[in-house]
Amino acid sequence: MAQRGDAGGLDGRVVIVTGASRGIGKGLALGYAEHGAAVVCAARSVRATPSDLPGTIEDTVETINQAGGRAVAVRCDVGIQSDLDELVSRTIDEFGRVDALMNNAMAPTQAPFDESTVEQWDESMRVNVRSLYLLAKLVEPHMTAQGGGAIINMSSHGADHSVAPYMPPGYMTYAVAKAAMERFTTALAPELVGRGITVNVLRPGAVKTEMTTLEYGDDHDWTGWTEPVAVVPAAVFLAQQIATDFTGRIVDAGSFGISWP
């Protein structure tokens, strides 16, 4: 199938980005807007507080709108079904359509196995896996009626079995959730391709964000790490894949334009 929309970027498209208050999510929201999309910025952070990481969806939306783009903020905890219902409903009310969904929000659950709890496990699966299923159910009818859409799931190399010996203790639950995300993607893609909907996984690589800076510290050796803007070209390409055969793929942002597409 021919690719649609490459020459015109994302003009006229509507993209939902979860986890858009900071980090990769904010970078993607700004990037999608720069390529012409109207962006629905979703996250739990709606107002800044001294105890939290910096950034809110209101900040992201203000940056986009001041630059001449179009964006709205929707407070959303992706682990709560009613919030997801409201997110898609608001998107349709505001823009009349949804062309792409970037599932970027996550619960970064970390705990060694002996210290982990079933509550942590359940939260990770609820936020990182169950939300994918629920949002796909919500956006699919709209995308199908429009002739197609794109669903992009933000994963991690932590999902790969080959990296297990190199990961520090504490990432088991996170790695399992990301692996489930990837298998969900490859299972769903063939069911939706006939409706013009593509479903792909994007692995961003090592990206320096507010969260990773807090986790590793300012004095960490950041050699080889990228900034959120480096993920944008690959994410834009995937959002353009409407009614194409580029689906069911697990791709790396750093390899975009080199080994893929």
Protein backbone atom coordinates (compact mmCIF):
# COMPACT_ATOMS: atom_id res chain seq x y z
CA MET A 1 0.00 0.00 0.00
CA ALA A 2 1.15 3.54 -0.58
CA GLN A 3 2.05 5.73 2.36
CA ARG A 4 -0.28 8.64 2.99
CA GLY A 5 0.60 12.05 4.32
CA ASP A 6 4.40 12.00 4.06
CA ALA A 7 4.70 15.17 1.98
CA GLY A 8 2.25 17.17 4.06
CA GLY A 9 3.43 16.14 7.48
CA LEU A 10 0.47 15.89 9.83
CA ASP A 11 -1.61 18.80 8.58
CA GLY A 12 -5.26 18.27 9.43
CA ARG A 13 -4.53 15.31 11.68
CA VAL A 14 -5.52 15.00 15.35
CA VAL A 15 -3.12 13.21 17.67
CA ILE A 16 -3.61 12.14 21.29
CA VAL A 17 -0.42 11.99 23.36
CA THR A 18 -0.56 10.49 26.84
CA GLY A 19 2.05 11.46 29.39
CA ALA A 20 2.43 14.83 27.65
CA SER A 21 3.35 16.92 30.68
CA ARG A 22 7.10 16.32 30.49
CA GLY A 23 9.88 14.19 29.06
CA ILE A 24 9.40 12.24 25.86
CA GLY A 25 5.63 12.84 25.89
CA LYS A 26 6.03 16.60 25.94
CA GLY A 27 8.68 16.41 23.24
CA LEU A 28 6.37 14.37 21.05
CA ALA A 29 3.41 16.69 21.63
CA LEU A 30 5.52 19.68 20.56
CA GLY A 31 6.91 17.74 17.61
CA TYR A 32 3.51 16.64 16.36
CA ALA A 33 2.26 20.21 16.60
CA GLU A 34 5.28 21.51 14.65
CA HIS A 35 4.36 19.05 11.89
CA GLY A 36 0.84 20.45 11.68
CA ALA A 37 -1.22 18.20 13.95
CA ALA A 38 -3.77 19.32 16.48
CA VAL A 39 -2.63 17.70 19.73
CA VAL A 40 -4.62 16.47 22.71
CA CYS A 41 -2.19 16.52 25.64
CA ALA A 42 -3.14 14.05 28.36
CA ALA A 43 -1.53 13.42 31.75
CA ARG A 44 -2.26 13.59 35.46
CA SER A 45 -0.16 16.74 36.01
CA VAL A 46 -2.34 19.82 35.55
CA ARG A 47 -0.70 22.20 38.01
CA ALA A 48 2.87 22.55 39.22
CA THR A 49 3.70 21.61 42.81
CA PRO A 50 7.10 21.89 44.50
CA SER A 51 7.17 18.19 45.42
CA ASP A 52 6.58 16.89 41.88
CA LEU A 53 8.68 16.76 38.75
CA PRO A 54 8.46 19.94 36.66
CA GLY A 55 5.97 20.23 33.83
CA THR A 56 2.20 20.09 33.34
CA ILE A 57 -0.08 19.51 30.38
CA GLU A 58 -1.14 23.15 30.65
CA ASP A 59 2.51 24.16 30.13
CA THR A 60 2.75 21.92 27.06
CA VAL A 61 -0.46 23.27 25.57
CA GLU A 62 0.58 26.87 26.21
CA THR A 63 3.88 26.30 24.41
CA ILE A 64 2.09 24.81 21.40
CA ASN A 65 -0.59 27.49 21.20
CA GLN A 66 1.89 30.35 21.60
CA ALA A 67 3.80 28.93 18.64
CA GLY A 68 0.67 29.07 16.51
CA GLY A 69 -0.36 25.44 16.90
CA ARG A 70 -3.55 23.88 18.20
CA ALA A 71 -3.69 21.91 21.41
CA VAL A 72 -5.94 21.14 24.36
CA ALA A 73 -5.16 19.69 27.78
CA VAL A 74 -7.15 16.82 29.24
CA ARG A 75 -6.36 15.59 32.74
CA CYS A 76 -6.19 11.81 32.52
CA ASP A 77 -4.97 8.92 34.62
CA VAL A 78 -4.64 6.17 32.00
CA GLY A 79 -5.21 3.56 34.70
CA ILE A 80 -8.80 4.76 35.21
CA GLN A 81 -11.35 3.79 32.57
CA SER A 82 -13.61 6.79 33.11
CA ASP A 83 -10.64 9.09 32.48
CA LEU A 84 -9.94 7.29 29.20
CA ASP A 85 -13.59 7.60 28.19
CA GLU A 86 -13.40 11.34 28.87
CA LEU A 87 -10.12 11.70 26.98
CA VAL A 88 -11.50 10.28 23.74
CA SER A 89 -14.86 12.02 24.19
CA ARG A 90 -13.15 15.40 24.66
CA THR A 91 -10.98 14.77 21.61
CA ILE A 92 -14.01 14.15 19.42
CA ASP A 93 -15.88 17.11 20.91
CA GLU A 94 -12.93 19.46 20.32
CA PHE A 95 -11.71 18.28 16.93
CA GLY A 96 -14.29 15.89 15.51
CA ARG A 97 -11.84 13.07 14.86
CA VAL A 98 -8.79 11.19 16.11
CA ASP A 99 -6.12 10.15 13.62
CA ALA A 100 -3.30 8.94 15.84
CA LEU A 101 -2.85 7.76 19.40
CA MET A 102 0.56 7.88 21.06
CA ASN A 103 0.49 5.69 24.18
CA ASN A 104 3.41 7.19 26.07
CA ALA A 105 2.21 7.41 29.69
CA MET A 106 3.61 4.77 32.02
CA ALA A 107 3.97 3.75 35.64
CA PRO A 108 7.74 3.40 36.20
CA THR A 109 7.38 0.73 38.87
CA GLN A 110 10.76 -0.24 40.30
CA ALA A 111 11.44 -2.70 43.10
CA PRO A 112 13.57 -5.82 43.47
CA PHE A 113 11.46 -8.99 43.45
CA ASP A 114 11.84 -9.59 47.21
CA GLU A 115 10.71 -6.05 48.00
CA SER A 116 7.97 -5.79 45.38
CA THR A 117 4.27 -5.99 46.22
CA VAL A 118 1.22 -7.26 44.40
CA GLU A 119 -0.13 -3.70 44.54
CA GLN A 120 2.87 -2.47 42.55
CA TRP A 121 2.45 -5.29 40.06
CA ASP A 122 -1.24 -4.57 39.61
CA GLU A 123 -0.62 -0.84 39.18
CA SER A 124 1.96 -1.48 36.50
CA MET A 125 -0.30 -3.81 34.54
CA ARG A 126 -3.29 -1.48 34.95
CA VAL A 127 -1.43 1.60 33.76
CA ASN A 128 1.03 0.12 31.29
CA VAL A 129 -0.97 -2.71 29.71
CA ARG A 130 -4.71 -2.55 30.45
CA SER A 131 -4.85 1.07 29.28
CA LEU A 132 -3.62 0.03 25.82
CA TYR A 133 -6.55 -2.32 25.39
CA LEU A 134 -9.10 0.19 26.66
CA LEU A 135 -7.84 3.06 24.52
CA ALA A 136 -7.69 0.86 21.42
CA LYS A 137 -11.32 -0.08 22.04
CA LEU A 138 -12.24 3.61 22.34
CA VAL A 139 -10.41 5.02 19.32
CA GLU A 140 -11.00 2.13 16.90
CA PRO A 141 -14.60 3.01 15.95
CA HIS A 142 -13.64 6.61 15.15
CA MET A 143 -10.56 5.60 13.18
CA THR A 144 -12.49 2.95 11.25
CA ALA A 145 -15.23 5.44 10.35
CA GLN A 146 -12.57 7.86 9.06
CA GLY A 147 -10.88 5.23 6.91
CA GLY A 148 -7.99 4.51 9.24
CA GLY A 149 -5.66 5.68 11.95
CA ALA A 150 -2.38 5.00 13.72
CA ILE A 151 -1.73 3.63 17.18
CA ILE A 152 1.83 3.93 18.51
CA ASN A 153 2.91 2.27 21.74
CA MET A 154 6.04 3.63 23.43
CA SER A 155 8.11 0.72 24.68
CA SER A 156 11.69 0.17 25.80
CA HIS A 157 14.65 -2.07 25.08
CA GLY A 158 13.88 -3.43 28.54
CA ALA A 159 11.21 -5.54 26.85
CA ASP A 160 13.87 -7.49 24.97
CA HIS A 161 14.92 -10.81 26.53
CA SER A 162 18.52 -10.24 25.41
CA VAL A 163 19.05 -7.26 27.72
CA ALA A 164 17.96 -9.07 30.91
CA PRO A 165 21.55 -9.87 32.04
CA TYR A 166 22.49 -6.19 31.79
CA MET A 167 19.55 -4.61 33.62
CA PRO A 168 20.01 -3.67 37.29
CA PRO A 169 17.73 -5.21 39.92
CA GLY A 170 14.33 -3.62 40.29
CA TYR A 171 13.18 -3.49 36.67
CA MET A 172 11.34 -6.83 36.51
CA THR A 173 7.80 -5.46 36.68
CA TYR A 174 8.59 -2.65 34.25
CA ALA A 175 10.23 -5.04 31.77
CA VAL A 176 7.30 -7.47 31.91
CA ALA A 177 4.81 -4.66 31.25
CA LYS A 178 6.78 -3.41 28.25
CA ALA A 179 7.07 -6.94 26.87
CA ALA A 180 3.29 -7.30 27.21
CA MET A 181 2.87 -3.99 25.38
CA GLU A 182 4.92 -5.26 22.47
CA ARG A 183 3.06 -8.55 22.20
CA PHE A 184 -0.26 -6.73 22.42
CA THR A 185 0.87 -4.61 19.49
CA THR A 186 1.87 -7.50 17.26
CA ALA A 187 -1.34 -9.36 18.12
CA LEU A 188 -3.65 -6.41 17.49
CA ALA A 189 -2.05 -5.15 14.28
CA PRO A 190 -3.29 -7.90 11.93
CA GLU A 191 -6.81 -7.60 13.31
CA LEU A 192 -7.03 -3.89 12.46
CA VAL A 193 -4.98 -3.56 9.28
CA GLY A 194 -8.05 -4.22 7.11
CA ARG A 195 -9.70 -1.16 8.68
CA GLY A 196 -6.79 1.10 7.74
CA ILE A 197 -5.46 1.19 11.31
CA THR A 198 -1.78 0.54 11.92
CA VAL A 199 -0.40 -0.48 15.31
CA ASN A 200 3.32 -0.17 15.98
CA VAL A 201 5.86 -0.09 18.82
CA LEU A 202 8.49 2.61 19.14
CA ARG A 203 11.51 2.10 21.35
CA PRO A 204 13.01 5.55 22.09
CA GLY A 205 16.44 4.45 23.29
CA ALA A 206 18.25 6.21 26.12
CA VAL A 207 16.62 9.62 26.50
CA LYS A 208 17.54 12.19 29.13
CA THR A 209 14.35 13.46 30.77
CA GLU A 210 13.29 14.96 34.06
CA MET A 211 12.58 11.45 35.33
CA THR A 212 15.92 9.92 34.30
CA THR A 213 17.78 12.95 35.67
CA LEU A 214 16.04 12.47 39.03
CA GLU A 215 16.79 8.75 38.94
CA TYR A 216 20.47 8.90 37.94
CA GLY A 217 21.52 12.38 39.10
CA ASP A 218 22.98 15.38 37.32
CA ASP A 219 26.52 13.98 37.56
CA HIS A 220 25.63 10.81 35.64
CA ASP A 221 27.61 10.16 32.47
CA TRP A 222 25.05 11.12 29.83
CA THR A 223 27.28 10.20 26.91
CA GLY A 224 25.21 8.52 24.21
CA TRP A 225 21.90 9.70 25.62
CA THR A 226 19.59 11.79 23.43
CA GLU A 227 16.97 14.46 24.10
CA PRO A 228 13.21 13.95 23.55
CA VAL A 229 13.38 15.84 20.25
CA ALA A 230 15.45 12.98 18.81
CA VAL A 231 12.41 10.68 19.04
CA VAL A 232 10.15 13.01 17.03
CA PRO A 233 11.05 12.05 13.43
CA ALA A 234 10.29 8.37 14.00
CA ALA A 235 7.11 9.19 15.93
CA VAL A 236 5.87 11.48 13.16
CA PHE A 237 6.48 8.81 10.53
CA LEU A 238 4.49 6.27 12.55
CA ALA A 239 1.62 8.73 13.02
CA GLN A 240 1.50 9.14 9.24
CA GLN A 241 0.98 5.42 8.71
CA ILE A 242 -2.74 5.42 8.02
CA ALA A 243 -4.07 2.77 5.61
CA THR A 244 -0.56 1.46 4.91
CA ASP A 245 1.04 -1.94 5.40
CA PHE A 246 3.61 -0.59 7.89
CA THR A 247 2.09 -2.24 10.92
CA GLY A 248 2.90 -4.73 13.66
CA ARG A 249 6.49 -3.46 13.79
CA ILE A 250 8.84 -2.97 16.75
CA VAL A 251 11.22 -0.19 15.74
CA ASP A 252 13.98 1.89 17.32
CA ALA A 253 13.91 5.69 17.13
CA GLY A 254 17.69 5.86 16.75
CA SER A 255 17.59 3.64 13.66
CA PHE A 256 14.97 5.68 11.82
CA GLY A 257 16.24 6.55 8.35
CA ILE A 258 19.07 4.02 8.73
CA SER A 259 17.64 0.51 9.01
CA TRP A 260 13.98 1.47 8.68
CA PRO A 261 11.51 2.26 7.15
